[in-house]
Amino acid sequence: MNIEVKRFDELSTTELYEILRARAEVFIVEQDCVYQDLDNKDLGAYHVTVREDGKIVAYLRVLDRGVSYDTASVGRVITTEQGRGRGIGLILLKEGLKAAKKYFSADKVTISAQCQARGFYEKVGFVAVSEPYLEDNIPHVRMVLDL
């Protein structure tokens, strides 16, 4: 398992393609959800990838405060089918939180979590701070973690 954290401008075109493909595979194809993935937030983000045998098995992006929320945030969190069921998502999330603290001096992280993944985020201490709401026709809940 290889974990990398890179700014957008440090990604090769091949790495960017692999990230976008993995995101589309999970969010658009598996979840049958049409939405605008390319939202310009990637440009200032740190991108965390977990690879096995050279292939992305988990990914997330870390955003600075003021981009999505008043706090730093983590989003586009995915574990591909190949990486599921082995705790890789939890490893990825912890690396993303470390990156938020290291690169953005984050003391708090806010996320918009799919309701079905709420328990996953609670494992590291995220707490729901909203009622469920629809985002891209999928139930979500806003969650916050003090670092």
Foldseek 3Di string as FASTA:
>chain_A
DDKDKAQPVVDDPVRVVLLVVQLCVVPCVVVVFDDPPPDVQSNGWIKMFDDDPRHTQWIKIWGQAPPPHNFIEIDSTDGHPVGPDPCVSVVRVVVNVVCCCVVRVTQKYKDWAQPVCVVVVVVVPWDFDADWDDDSNTTTTMTMDGD
